[in-house]
């Protein structure tokens, strides 16, 4: 909200300072949306760690697992979380700049395909 006054004054005072985006090829994922998803993933990750740690208290039989079984469970859950989390983060929505994006080489209006 702090930059709203810049948007209103920009055209009259100095031209287009930050409203135009030059695009080389396809639109890239939005950095702020990737960061937002990373923060959500970290919050869910810590919640999952807490829940999994609590399972040992609820089910003491888990303490009796041999080392190989415990390692298999840990590696399996970590691999699943890594694959799911990484895929979810990078499938984040693209930058929402289609109304103000132009091809870098030709300076023609960019049309998302």
PDB file of N, CA and C in Angstrom:
ATOM      1  N   UNK A   1       0.829  -1.191   0.000  1.00  0.00           N
ATOM      2  CA  UNK A   1       0.000   0.000   0.000  1.00  0.00           C
ATOM      3  C   UNK A   1       0.871   1.251   0.000  1.00  0.00           C
ATOM      4  N   UNK A   2       2.124   1.111   0.437  1.00  0.00           N
ATOM      5  CA  UNK A   2       3.011   2.260   0.488  1.00  0.00           C
ATOM      6  C   UNK A   2       3.362   2.803  -0.875  1.00  0.00           C
ATOM      7  N   UNK A   3       3.331   1.967  -1.933  1.00  0.00           N
ATOM      8  CA  UNK A   3       3.705   2.409  -3.263  1.00  0.00           C
ATOM      9  C   UNK A   3       2.532   2.873  -4.103  1.00  0.00           C
ATOM     10  N   UNK A   4       1.337   2.939  -3.535  1.00  0.00           N
ATOM     11  CA  UNK A   4       0.155   3.306  -4.305  1.00  0.00           C
ATOM     12  C   UNK A   4       0.265   4.735  -4.829  1.00  0.00           C
ATOM     13  N   UNK A   5       0.838   5.625  -4.052  1.00  0.00           N
ATOM     14  CA  UNK A   5       0.975   7.001  -4.504  1.00  0.00           C
ATOM     15  C   UNK A   5       1.930   7.098  -5.683  1.00  0.00           C
ATOM     16  N   UNK A   6       2.930   6.203  -5.749  1.00  0.00           N
ATOM     17  CA  UNK A   6       3.862   6.195  -6.880  1.00  0.00           C
ATOM     18  C   UNK A   6       3.116   5.811  -8.148  1.00  0.00           C
ATOM     19  N   UNK A   7       2.226   4.824  -8.058  1.00  0.00           N
ATOM     20  CA  UNK A   7       1.442   4.424  -9.224  1.00  0.00           C
ATOM     21  C   UNK A   7       0.607   5.579  -9.749  1.00  0.00           C
ATOM     22  N   UNK A   8       0.054   6.389  -8.855  1.00  0.00           N
ATOM     23  CA  UNK A   8      -0.800   7.500  -9.287  1.00  0.00           C
ATOM     24  C   UNK A   8       0.012   8.628  -9.917  1.00  0.00           C
ATOM     25  N   UNK A   9       1.198   8.889  -9.410  1.00  0.00           N
ATOM     26  CA  UNK A   9       2.010   9.998  -9.904  1.00  0.00           C
ATOM     27  C   UNK A   9       2.954   9.612 -11.038  1.00  0.00           C
ATOM     28  N   UNK A  10       3.150   8.340 -11.220  1.00  0.00           N
ATOM     29  CA  UNK A  10       4.194   7.876 -12.119  1.00  0.00           C
ATOM     30  C   UNK A  10       4.035   8.384 -13.546  1.00  0.00           C
ATOM     31  N   UNK A  11       2.879   8.273 -14.126  1.00  0.00           N
ATOM     32  CA  UNK A  11       2.691   8.674 -15.523  1.00  0.00           C
ATOM     33  C   UNK A  11       2.907  10.166 -15.725  1.00  0.00           C
ATOM     34  N   UNK A  12       2.457  10.996 -14.786  1.00  0.00           N
ATOM     35  CA  UNK A  12       2.556  12.444 -14.936  1.00  0.00           C
ATOM     36  C   UNK A  12       3.970  12.970 -14.694  1.00  0.00           C
ATOM     37  N   UNK A  13       4.663  12.412 -13.724  1.00  0.00           N
ATOM     38  CA  UNK A  13       5.939  12.975 -13.299  1.00  0.00           C
ATOM     39  C   UNK A  13       7.127  12.391 -14.064  1.00  0.00           C
ATOM     40  N   UNK A  14       7.244  11.067 -14.115  1.00  0.00           N
ATOM     41  CA  UNK A  14       8.468  10.475 -14.648  1.00  0.00           C
ATOM     42  C   UNK A  14       8.246   9.400 -15.700  1.00  0.00           C
ATOM     43  N   UNK A  15       7.047   9.188 -16.159  1.00  0.00           N
ATOM     44  CA  UNK A  15       6.805   8.117 -17.125  1.00  0.00           C
ATOM     45  C   UNK A  15       6.645   6.786 -16.419  1.00  0.00           C
ATOM     46  N   UNK A  16       6.805   5.711 -17.172  1.00  0.00           N
ATOM     47  CA  UNK A  16       6.611   4.362 -16.618  1.00  0.00           C
ATOM     48  C   UNK A  16       7.896   3.870 -15.951  1.00  0.00           C
ATOM     49  N   UNK A  17       7.935   3.918 -14.628  1.00  0.00           N
ATOM     50  CA  UNK A  17       9.125   3.468 -13.909  1.00  0.00           C
ATOM     51  C   UNK A  17       9.099   1.963 -13.645  1.00  0.00           C
ATOM     52  N   UNK A  18       8.001   1.469 -13.129  1.00  0.00           N
ATOM     53  CA  UNK A  18       7.959   0.055 -12.772  1.00  0.00           C
ATOM     54  C   UNK A  18       6.695  -0.642 -13.247  1.00  0.00           C
ATOM     55  N   UNK A  19       5.925  -0.020 -14.094  1.00  0.00           N
ATOM     56  CA  UNK A  19       4.698  -0.646 -14.567  1.00  0.00           C
ATOM     57  C   UNK A  19       4.933  -1.574 -15.752  1.00  0.00           C
ATOM     58  N   UNK A  20       6.049  -1.431 -16.459  1.00  0.00           N
ATOM     59  CA  UNK A  20       6.312  -2.224 -17.652  1.00  0.00           C
ATOM     60  C   UNK A  20       7.300  -3.336 -17.314  1.00  0.00           C
ATOM     61  N   UNK A  21       7.019  -4.540 -17.815  1.00  0.00           N
ATOM     62  CA  UNK A  21       7.895  -5.682 -17.624  1.00  0.00           C
ATOM     63  C   UNK A  21       8.332  -6.172 -18.995  1.00  0.00           C
ATOM     64  N   UNK A  22       9.646  -6.310 -19.193  1.00  0.00           N
ATOM     65  CA  UNK A  22      10.173  -6.826 -20.448  1.00  0.00           C
ATOM     66  C   UNK A  22      10.361  -8.329 -20.313  1.00  0.00           C
ATOM     67  N   UNK A  23       9.796  -9.083 -21.263  1.00  0.00           N
ATOM     68  CA  UNK A  23       9.786 -10.539 -21.196  1.00  0.00           C
ATOM     69  C   UNK A  23      10.595 -11.100 -22.359  1.00  0.00           C
ATOM     70  N   UNK A  24      11.525 -12.027 -22.054  1.00  0.00           N
ATOM     71  CA  UNK A  24      12.314 -12.660 -23.111  1.00  0.00           C
ATOM     72  C   UNK A  24      11.557 -13.813 -23.755  1.00  0.00           C
ATOM     73  N   UNK A  25      10.931 -14.648 -22.976  1.00  0.00           N
ATOM     74  CA  UNK A  25      10.223 -15.823 -23.479  1.00  0.00           C
ATOM     75  C   UNK A  25       8.900 -15.956 -22.749  1.00  0.00           C
ATOM     76  N   UNK A  26       8.737 -17.050 -22.040  1.00  0.00           N
ATOM     77  CA  UNK A  26       7.520 -17.277 -21.263  1.00  0.00           C
ATOM     78  C   UNK A  26       7.611 -16.543 -19.923  1.00  0.00           C
ATOM     79  N   UNK A  27       6.461 -16.330 -19.313  1.00  0.00           N
ATOM     80  CA  UNK A  27       6.444 -15.699 -17.990  1.00  0.00           C
ATOM     81  C   UNK A  27       7.059 -16.643 -16.963  1.00  0.00           C
ATOM     82  N   UNK A  28       7.755 -16.086 -16.009  1.00  0.00           N
ATOM     83  CA  UNK A  28       8.407 -16.848 -14.954  1.00  0.00           C
ATOM     84  C   UNK A  28       7.502 -16.891 -13.725  1.00  0.00           C
ATOM     85  N   UNK A  29       7.726 -17.881 -12.842  1.00  0.00           N
ATOM     86  CA  UNK A  29       6.960 -17.903 -11.600  1.00  0.00           C
ATOM     87  C   UNK A  29       7.216 -16.632 -10.788  1.00  0.00           C
ATOM     88  N   UNK A  30       6.208 -16.187 -10.088  1.00  0.00           N
ATOM     89  CA  UNK A  30       6.328 -15.000  -9.256  1.00  0.00           C
ATOM     90  C   UNK A  30       7.183 -15.316  -8.026  1.00  0.00           C
ATOM     91  N   UNK A  31       8.202 -14.507  -7.781  1.00  0.00           N
ATOM     92  CA  UNK A  31       9.098 -14.726  -6.647  1.00  0.00           C
ATOM     93  C   UNK A  31       8.327 -14.621  -5.334  1.00  0.00           C
ATOM     94  N   UNK A  32       7.444 -13.655  -5.226  1.00  0.00           N
ATOM     95  CA  UNK A  32       6.697 -13.492  -3.974  1.00  0.00           C
ATOM     96  C   UNK A  32       5.744 -14.666  -3.750  1.00  0.00           C
ATOM     97  N   UNK A  33       5.172 -15.222  -4.828  1.00  0.00           N
ATOM     98  CA  UNK A  33       4.288 -16.375  -4.663  1.00  0.00           C
ATOM     99  C   UNK A  33       5.082 -17.629  -4.311  1.00  0.00           C
ATOM    100  N   UNK A  34       6.281 -17.783  -4.869  1.00  0.00           N
ATOM    101  CA  UNK A  34       7.146 -18.905  -4.499  1.00  0.00           C
ATOM    102  C   UNK A  34       7.532 -18.780  -3.024  1.00  0.00           C
ATOM    103  N   UNK A  35       7.898 -17.583  -2.577  1.00  0.00           N
ATOM    104  CA  UNK A  35       8.247 -17.364  -1.164  1.00  0.00           C
ATOM    105  C   UNK A  35       7.063 -17.646  -0.247  1.00  0.00           C
ATOM    106  N   UNK A  36       5.873 -17.231  -0.666  1.00  0.00           N
ATOM    107  CA  UNK A  36       4.677 -17.480   0.136  1.00  0.00           C
ATOM    108  C   UNK A  36       4.443 -18.981   0.281  1.00  0.00           C
ATOM    109  N   UNK A  37       4.579 -19.709  -0.825  1.00  0.00           N
ATOM    110  CA  UNK A  37       4.383 -21.159  -0.755  1.00  0.00           C
ATOM    111  C   UNK A  37       5.470 -21.831   0.074  1.00  0.00           C
ATOM    112  N   UNK A  38       6.691 -21.327   0.003  1.00  0.00           N
ATOM    113  CA  UNK A  38       7.766 -21.887   0.813  1.00  0.00           C
ATOM    114  C   UNK A  38       7.467 -21.704   2.301  1.00  0.00           C
ATOM    115  N   UNK A  39       6.956 -20.543   2.676  1.00  0.00           N
ATOM    116  CA  UNK A  39       6.608 -20.297   4.079  1.00  0.00           C
ATOM    117  C   UNK A  39       5.482 -21.223   4.542  1.00  0.00           C
ATOM    118  N   UNK A  40       4.492 -21.433   3.679  1.00  0.00           N
ATOM    119  CA  UNK A  40       3.396 -22.346   4.016  1.00  0.00           C
ATOM    120  C   UNK A  40       3.931 -23.759   4.183  1.00  0.00           C
ATOM    121  N   UNK A  41       4.816 -24.165   3.262  1.00  0.00           N
ATOM    122  CA  UNK A  41       5.391 -25.504   3.323  1.00  0.00           C
ATOM    123  C   UNK A  41       6.210 -25.687   4.602  1.00  0.00           C
ATOM    124  N   UNK A  42       6.975 -24.675   4.979  1.00  0.00           N
ATOM    125  CA  UNK A  42       7.754 -24.764   6.227  1.00  0.00           C
ATOM    126  C   UNK A  42       6.843 -24.878   7.448  1.00  0.00           C
ATOM    127  N   UNK A  43       5.748 -24.125   7.449  1.00  0.00           N
ATOM    128  CA  UNK A  43       4.804 -24.203   8.574  1.00  0.00           C
ATOM    129  C   UNK A  43       4.185 -25.596   8.660  1.00  0.00           C
ATOM    130  N   UNK A  44       3.763 -26.140   7.510  1.00  0.00           N
ATOM    131  CA  UNK A  44       3.199 -27.492   7.516  1.00  0.00           C
ATOM    132  C   UNK A  44       4.267 -28.524   7.878  1.00  0.00           C
ATOM    133  N   UNK A  45       5.498 -28.293   7.450  1.00  0.00           N
ATOM    134  CA  UNK A  45       6.579 -29.215   7.787  1.00  0.00           C
ATOM    135  C   UNK A  45       6.813 -29.296   9.279  1.00  0.00           C
ATOM    136  N   UNK A  46       6.858 -28.140   9.926  1.00  0.00           N
ATOM    137  CA  UNK A  46       7.045 -28.143  11.381  1.00  0.00           C
ATOM    138  C   UNK A  46       5.845 -28.771  12.086  1.00  0.00           C
ATOM    139  N   UNK A  47       4.646 -28.522  11.582  1.00  0.00           N
ATOM    140  CA  UNK A  47       3.461 -29.150  12.182  1.00  0.00           C
ATOM    141  C   UNK A  47       3.520 -30.669  12.016  1.00  0.00           C
ATOM    142  N   UNK A  48       3.970 -31.129  10.842  1.00  0.00           N
ATOM    143  CA  UNK A  48       4.085 -32.574  10.600  1.00  0.00           C
ATOM    144  C   UNK A  48       5.137 -33.192  11.519  1.00  0.00           C
ATOM    145  N   UNK A  49       6.254 -32.502  11.715  1.00  0.00           N
ATOM    146  CA  UNK A  49       7.291 -33.006  12.620  1.00  0.00           C
ATOM    147  C   UNK A  49       6.732 -33.137  14.037  1.00  0.00           C
ATOM    148  N   UNK A  50       5.960 -32.157  14.468  1.00  0.00           N
ATOM    149  CA  UNK A  50       5.355 -32.205  15.805  1.00  0.00           C
ATOM    150  C   UNK A  50       4.395 -33.382  15.918  1.00  0.00           C
ATOM    151  N   UNK A  51       3.564 -33.572  14.887  1.00  0.00           N
ATOM    152  CA  UNK A  51       2.598 -34.677  14.916  1.00  0.00           C
ATOM    153  C   UNK A  51       3.321 -36.021  14.915  1.00  0.00           C
ATOM    154  N   UNK A  52       4.331 -36.164  14.066  1.00  0.00           N
ATOM    155  CA  UNK A  52       5.062 -37.434  14.024  1.00  0.00           C
ATOM    156  C   UNK A  52       5.790 -37.705  15.338  1.00  0.00           C
ATOM    157  N   UNK A  53       6.329 -36.673  15.959  1.00  0.00           N
ATOM    158  CA  UNK A  53       6.974 -36.853  17.262  1.00  0.00           C
ATOM    159  C   UNK A  53       5.946 -37.237  18.325  1.00  0.00           C
ATOM    160  N   UNK A  54       4.739 -36.712  18.194  1.00  0.00           N
ATOM    161  CA  UNK A  54       3.678 -37.040  19.152  1.00  0.00           C
ATOM    162  C   UNK A  54       3.200 -38.483  18.997  1.00  0.00           C
ATOM    163  N   UNK A  55       3.349 -39.041  17.805  1.00  0.00           N
ATOM    164  CA  UNK A  55       2.916 -40.430  17.595  1.00  0.00           C
ATOM    165  C   UNK A  55       3.689 -41.400  18.486  1.00  0.00           C
ATOM    166  N   UNK A  56       4.938 -41.085  18.761  1.00  0.00           N
ATOM    167  CA  UNK A  56       5.737 -41.946  19.638  1.00  0.00           C
ATOM    168  C   UNK A  56       5.148 -41.950  21.047  1.00  0.00           C
ATOM    169  N   UNK A  57       4.618 -40.821  21.465  1.00  0.00           N
ATOM    170  CA  UNK A  57       4.004 -40.746  22.795  1.00  0.00           C
ATOM    171  C   UNK A  57       2.677 -41.508  22.805  1.00  0.00           C
ATOM    172  N   UNK A  58       1.908 -41.355  21.722  1.00  0.00           N
ATOM    173  CA  UNK A  58       0.608 -42.029  21.648  1.00  0.00           C
ATOM    174  C   UNK A  58       0.740 -43.532  21.424  1.00  0.00           C
ATOM    175  N   UNK A  59       1.750 -43.935  20.663  1.00  0.00           N
ATOM    176  CA  UNK A  59       1.959 -45.351  20.340  1.00  0.00           C
ATOM    177  C   UNK A  59       3.383 -45.756  20.731  1.00  0.00           C
ATOM    178  N   UNK A  60       3.591 -46.121  21.983  1.00  0.00           N
ATOM    179  CA  UNK A  60       4.940 -46.455  22.460  1.00  0.00           C
ATOM    180  C   UNK A  60       5.567 -47.638  21.722  1.00  0.00           C
ATOM    181  N   UNK A  61       4.770 -48.438  21.036  1.00  0.00           N
ATOM    182  CA  UNK A  61       5.308 -49.570  20.297  1.00  0.00           C
ATOM    183  C   UNK A  61       6.289 -49.104  19.213  1.00  0.00           C
ATOM    184  N   UNK A  62       6.151 -47.857  18.766  1.00  0.00           N
ATOM    185  CA  UNK A  62       7.066 -47.326  17.756  1.00  0.00           C
ATOM    186  C   UNK A  62       8.498 -47.206  18.277  1.00  0.00           C
ATOM    187  N   UNK A  63       8.642 -47.089  19.589  1.00  0.00           N
ATOM    188  CA  UNK A  63       9.988 -47.041  20.170  1.00  0.00           C
ATOM    189  C   UNK A  63      10.717 -48.364  20.011  1.00  0.00           C
ATOM    190  N   UNK A  64       9.969 -49.450  19.816  1.00  0.00           N
ATOM    191  CA  UNK A  64      10.570 -50.773  19.702  1.00  0.00           C
ATOM    192  C   UNK A  64      11.000 -51.135  18.288  1.00  0.00           C
ATOM    193  N   UNK A  65      10.843 -50.239  17.319  1.00  0.00           N
ATOM    194  CA  UNK A  65      11.258 -50.539  15.945  1.00  0.00           C
ATOM    195  C   UNK A  65      12.770 -50.713  15.870  1.00  0.00           C
ATOM    196  N   UNK A  66      13.198 -51.657  15.041  1.00  0.00           N
ATOM    197  CA  UNK A  66      14.643 -51.802  14.848  1.00  0.00           C
ATOM    198  C   UNK A  66      15.155 -50.636  14.009  1.00  0.00           C
ATOM    199  N   UNK A  67      16.455 -50.487  13.960  1.00  0.00           N
ATOM    200  CA  UNK A  67      17.076 -49.328  13.296  1.00  0.00           C
ATOM    201  C   UNK A  67      16.734 -49.273  11.810  1.00  0.00           C
ATOM    202  N   UNK A  68      16.702 -50.428  11.145  1.00  0.00           N
ATOM    203  CA  UNK A  68      16.420 -50.450   9.703  1.00  0.00           C
ATOM    204  C   UNK A  68      14.985 -50.004   9.416  1.00  0.00           C
ATOM    205  N   UNK A  69      14.031 -50.446  10.206  1.00  0.00           N
ATOM    206  CA  UNK A  69      12.633 -50.052  10.003  1.00  0.00           C
ATOM    207  C   UNK A  69      12.431 -48.569  10.285  1.00  0.00           C
ATOM    208  N   UNK A  70      13.055 -48.089  11.350  1.00  0.00           N
ATOM    209  CA  UNK A  70      12.937 -46.668  11.687  1.00  0.00           C
ATOM    210  C   UNK A  70      13.557 -45.807  10.590  1.00  0.00           C
ATOM    211  N   UNK A  71      14.714 -46.204  10.083  1.00  0.00           N
ATOM    212  CA  UNK A  71      15.371 -45.449   9.013  1.00  0.00           C
ATOM    213  C   UNK A  71      14.530 -45.464   7.748  1.00  0.00           C
ATOM    214  N   UNK A  72      13.923 -46.597   7.445  1.00  0.00           N
ATOM    215  CA  UNK A  72      13.065 -46.704   6.254  1.00  0.00           C
ATOM    216  C   UNK A  72      11.872 -45.757   6.369  1.00  0.00           C
ATOM    217  N   UNK A  73      11.249 -45.701   7.532  1.00  0.00           N
ATOM    218  CA  UNK A  73      10.127 -44.780   7.746  1.00  0.00           C
ATOM    219  C   UNK A  73      10.574 -43.329   7.607  1.00  0.00           C
ATOM    220  N   UNK A  74      11.700 -43.002   8.200  1.00  0.00           N
ATOM    221  CA  UNK A  74      12.187 -41.624   8.149  1.00  0.00           C
ATOM    222  C   UNK A  74      12.550 -41.207   6.732  1.00  0.00           C
ATOM    223  N   UNK A  75      13.270 -42.045   6.015  1.00  0.00           N
ATOM    224  CA  UNK A  75      13.670 -41.714   4.645  1.00  0.00           C
ATOM    225  C   UNK A  75      12.449 -41.665   3.736  1.00  0.00           C
ATOM    226  N   UNK A  76      11.512 -42.571   3.928  1.00  0.00           N
ATOM    227  CA  UNK A  76      10.291 -42.584   3.109  1.00  0.00           C
ATOM    228  C   UNK A  76       9.468 -41.318   3.276  1.00  0.00           C
ATOM    229  N   UNK A  77       9.232 -40.913   4.524  1.00  0.00           N
ATOM    230  CA  UNK A  77       8.451 -39.695   4.770  1.00  0.00           C
ATOM    231  C   UNK A  77       9.187 -38.453   4.270  1.00  0.00           C
ATOM    232  N   UNK A  78      10.491 -38.411   4.483  1.00  0.00           N
ATOM    233  CA  UNK A  78      11.265 -37.249   4.030  1.00  0.00           C
ATOM    234  C   UNK A  78      11.273 -37.157   2.509  1.00  0.00           C
ATOM    235  N   UNK A  79      11.403 -38.303   1.826  1.00  0.00           N
ATOM    236  CA  UNK A  79      11.391 -38.307   0.352  1.00  0.00           C
ATOM    237  C   UNK A  79      10.042 -37.856  -0.176  1.00  0.00           C
ATOM    238  N   UNK A  80       8.968 -38.368   0.415  1.00  0.00           N
ATOM    239  CA  UNK A  80       7.626 -37.960   0.001  1.00  0.00           C
ATOM    240  C   UNK A  80       7.441 -36.457   0.188  1.00  0.00           C
ATOM    241  N   UNK A  81       7.844 -35.942   1.337  1.00  0.00           N
ATOM    242  CA  UNK A  81       7.686 -34.507   1.616  1.00  0.00           C
ATOM    243  C   UNK A  81       8.514 -33.669   0.654  1.00  0.00           C
ATOM    244  N   UNK A  82       9.730 -34.105   0.354  1.00  0.00           N
ATOM    245  CA  UNK A  82      10.592 -33.363  -0.560  1.00  0.00           C
ATOM    246  C   UNK A  82      10.007 -33.319  -1.966  1.00  0.00           C
ATOM    247  N   UNK A  83       9.547 -34.452  -2.464  1.00  0.00           N
ATOM    248  CA  UNK A  83       8.991 -34.509  -3.820  1.00  0.00           C
ATOM    249  C   UNK A  83       7.700 -33.709  -3.899  1.00  0.00           C
ATOM    250  N   UNK A  84       6.806 -33.896  -2.940  1.00  0.00           N
ATOM    251  CA  UNK A  84       5.541 -33.167  -2.956  1.00  0.00           C
ATOM    252  C   UNK A  84       5.767 -31.671  -2.770  1.00  0.00           C
ATOM    253  N   UNK A  85       6.573 -31.307  -1.797  1.00  0.00           N
ATOM    254  CA  UNK A  85       6.794 -29.892  -1.507  1.00  0.00           C
ATOM    255  C   UNK A  85       7.481 -29.164  -2.637  1.00  0.00           C
ATOM    256  N   UNK A  86       8.505 -29.776  -3.213  1.00  0.00           N
ATOM    257  CA  UNK A  86       9.226 -29.149  -4.316  1.00  0.00           C
ATOM    258  C   UNK A  86       8.314 -28.958  -5.523  1.00  0.00           C
ATOM    259  N   UNK A  87       7.539 -29.973  -5.848  1.00  0.00           N
ATOM    260  CA  UNK A  87       6.615 -29.851  -6.974  1.00  0.00           C
ATOM    261  C   UNK A  87       5.556 -28.783  -6.733  1.00  0.00           C
ATOM    262  N   UNK A  88       5.071 -28.709  -5.512  1.00  0.00           N
ATOM    263  CA  UNK A  88       4.019 -27.741  -5.204  1.00  0.00           C
ATOM    264  C   UNK A  88       4.551 -26.309  -5.266  1.00  0.00           C
ATOM    265  N   UNK A  89       5.767 -26.102  -4.783  1.00  0.00           N
ATOM    266  CA  UNK A  89       6.345 -24.758  -4.801  1.00  0.00           C
ATOM    267  C   UNK A  89       6.556 -24.279  -6.230  1.00  0.00           C
ATOM    268  N   UNK A  90       7.139 -25.115  -7.080  1.00  0.00           N
ATOM    269  CA  UNK A  90       7.496 -24.669  -8.424  1.00  0.00           C
ATOM    270  C   UNK A  90       6.328 -24.661  -9.388  1.00  0.00           C
ATOM    271  N   UNK A  91       5.198 -25.234  -9.005  1.00  0.00           N
ATOM    272  CA  UNK A  91       3.993 -25.102  -9.829  1.00  0.00           C
ATOM    273  C   UNK A  91       3.188 -23.883  -9.400  1.00  0.00           C
ATOM    274  N   UNK A  92       3.845 -22.978  -8.730  1.00  0.00           N
ATOM    275  CA  UNK A  92       3.152 -21.785  -8.251  1.00  0.00           C
ATOM    276  C   UNK A  92       2.695 -20.940  -9.430  1.00  0.00           C
ATOM    277  N   UNK A  93       1.706 -20.120  -9.204  1.00  0.00           N
ATOM    278  CA  UNK A  93       1.180 -19.287 -10.289  1.00  0.00           C
ATOM    279  C   UNK A  93       2.259 -18.370 -10.866  1.00  0.00           C
ATOM    280  N   UNK A  94       2.119 -18.125 -12.152  1.00  0.00           N
ATOM    281  CA  UNK A  94       3.060 -17.240 -12.821  1.00  0.00           C
ATOM    282  C   UNK A  94       2.836 -15.800 -12.407  1.00  0.00           C
ATOM    283  N   UNK A  95       3.796 -14.983 -12.715  1.00  0.00           N
ATOM    284  CA  UNK A  95       3.677 -13.559 -12.429  1.00  0.00           C
ATOM    285  C   UNK A  95       2.438 -12.998 -13.118  1.00  0.00           C
ATOM    286  N   UNK A  96       1.744 -12.156 -12.421  1.00  0.00           N
ATOM    287  CA  UNK A  96       0.522 -11.565 -12.961  1.00  0.00           C
ATOM    288  C   UNK A  96       0.850 -10.213 -13.585  1.00  0.00           C
ATOM    289  N   UNK A  97       1.558 -10.241 -14.712  1.00  0.00           N
ATOM    290  CA  UNK A  97       1.983  -9.005 -15.366  1.00  0.00           C
ATOM    291  C   UNK A  97       1.553  -8.975 -16.831  1.00  0.00           C
ATOM    292  N   UNK A  98       0.626  -9.832 -17.211  1.00  0.00           N
ATOM    293  CA  UNK A  98       0.286  -9.945 -18.633  1.00  0.00           C
ATOM    294  C   UNK A  98      -0.270  -8.653 -19.214  1.00  0.00           C
ATOM    295  N   UNK A  99      -0.881  -7.828 -18.408  1.00  0.00           N
ATOM    296  CA  UNK A  99      -1.442  -6.575 -18.928  1.00  0.00           C
ATOM    297  C   UNK A  99      -0.381  -5.491 -19.125  1.00  0.00           C
ATOM    298  N   UNK A 100       0.823  -5.696 -18.587  1.00  0.00           N
ATOM    299  CA  UNK A 100       1.869  -4.693 -18.722  1.00  0.00           C
ATOM    300  C   UNK A 100       3.201  -5.290 -19.162  1.00  0.00           C
ATOM    301  N   UNK A 101       3.147  -6.465 -19.815  1.00  0.00           N
ATOM    302  CA  UNK A 101       4.358  -7.141 -20.267  1.00  0.00           C
ATOM    303  C   UNK A 101       4.564  -6.917 -21.760  1.00  0.00           C
ATOM    304  N   UNK A 102       5.832  -6.716 -22.129  1.00  0.00           N
ATOM    305  CA  UNK A 102       6.204  -6.497 -23.528  1.00  0.00           C
ATOM    306  C   UNK A 102       7.397  -7.392 -23.863  1.00  0.00           C
ATOM    307  N   UNK A 103       7.468  -7.850 -25.125  1.00  0.00           N
ATOM    308  CA  UNK A 103       8.623  -8.632 -25.572  1.00  0.00           C
ATOM    309  C   UNK A 103       9.861  -7.740 -25.531  1.00  0.00           C
ATOM    310  N   UNK A 104      10.931  -8.273 -24.989  1.00  0.00           N
ATOM    311  CA  UNK A 104      12.154  -7.489 -24.829  1.00  0.00           C
ATOM    312  C   UNK A 104      12.770  -7.097 -26.170  1.00  0.00           C
ATOM    313  N   UNK A 105      12.754  -7.999 -27.144  1.00  0.00           N
ATOM    314  CA  UNK A 105      13.415  -7.739 -28.424  1.00  0.00           C
ATOM    315  C   UNK A 105      12.607  -6.786 -29.313  1.00  0.00           C
ATOM    316  N   UNK A 106      11.284  -6.957 -29.326  1.00  0.00           N
ATOM    317  CA  UNK A 106      10.469  -6.187 -30.274  1.00  0.00           C
ATOM    318  C   UNK A 106       9.676  -5.066 -29.627  1.00  0.00           C
ATOM    319  N   UNK A 107       9.569  -5.090 -28.308  1.00  0.00           N
ATOM    320  CA  UNK A 107       8.764  -4.131 -27.534  1.00  0.00           C
ATOM    321  C   UNK A 107       7.287  -4.163 -27.935  1.00  0.00           C
ATOM    322  N   UNK A 108       6.841  -5.310 -28.463  1.00  0.00           N
ATOM    323  CA  UNK A 108       5.424  -5.494 -28.753  1.00  0.00           C
ATOM    324  C   UNK A 108       4.750  -6.069 -27.512  1.00  0.00           C
ATOM    325  N   UNK A 109       3.456  -5.829 -27.392  1.00  0.00           N
ATOM    326  CA  UNK A 109       2.679  -6.313 -26.237  1.00  0.00           C
ATOM    327  C   UNK A 109       2.789  -7.829 -26.152  1.00  0.00           C
ATOM    328  N   UNK A 110       3.035  -8.328 -24.950  1.00  0.00           N
ATOM    329  CA  UNK A 110       3.175  -9.758 -24.725  1.00  0.00           C
ATOM    330  C   UNK A 110       1.798 -10.391 -24.582  1.00  0.00           C
ATOM    331  N   UNK A 111       1.582 -11.467 -25.322  1.00  0.00           N
ATOM    332  CA  UNK A 111       0.325 -12.231 -25.238  1.00  0.00           C
ATOM    333  C   UNK A 111       0.655 -13.595 -24.637  1.00  0.00           C
ATOM    334  N   UNK A 112       0.083 -13.888 -23.484  1.00  0.00           N
ATOM    335  CA  UNK A 112       0.330 -15.193 -22.847  1.00  0.00           C
ATOM    336  C   UNK A 112      -0.357 -16.276 -23.655  1.00  0.00           C
ATOM    337  N   UNK A 113       0.371 -17.368 -23.847  1.00  0.00           N
ATOM    338  CA  UNK A 113      -0.214 -18.469 -24.625  1.00  0.00           C
ATOM    339  C   UNK A 113      -0.762 -19.548 -23.728  1.00  0.00           C
TER     340      UNK A 113
END
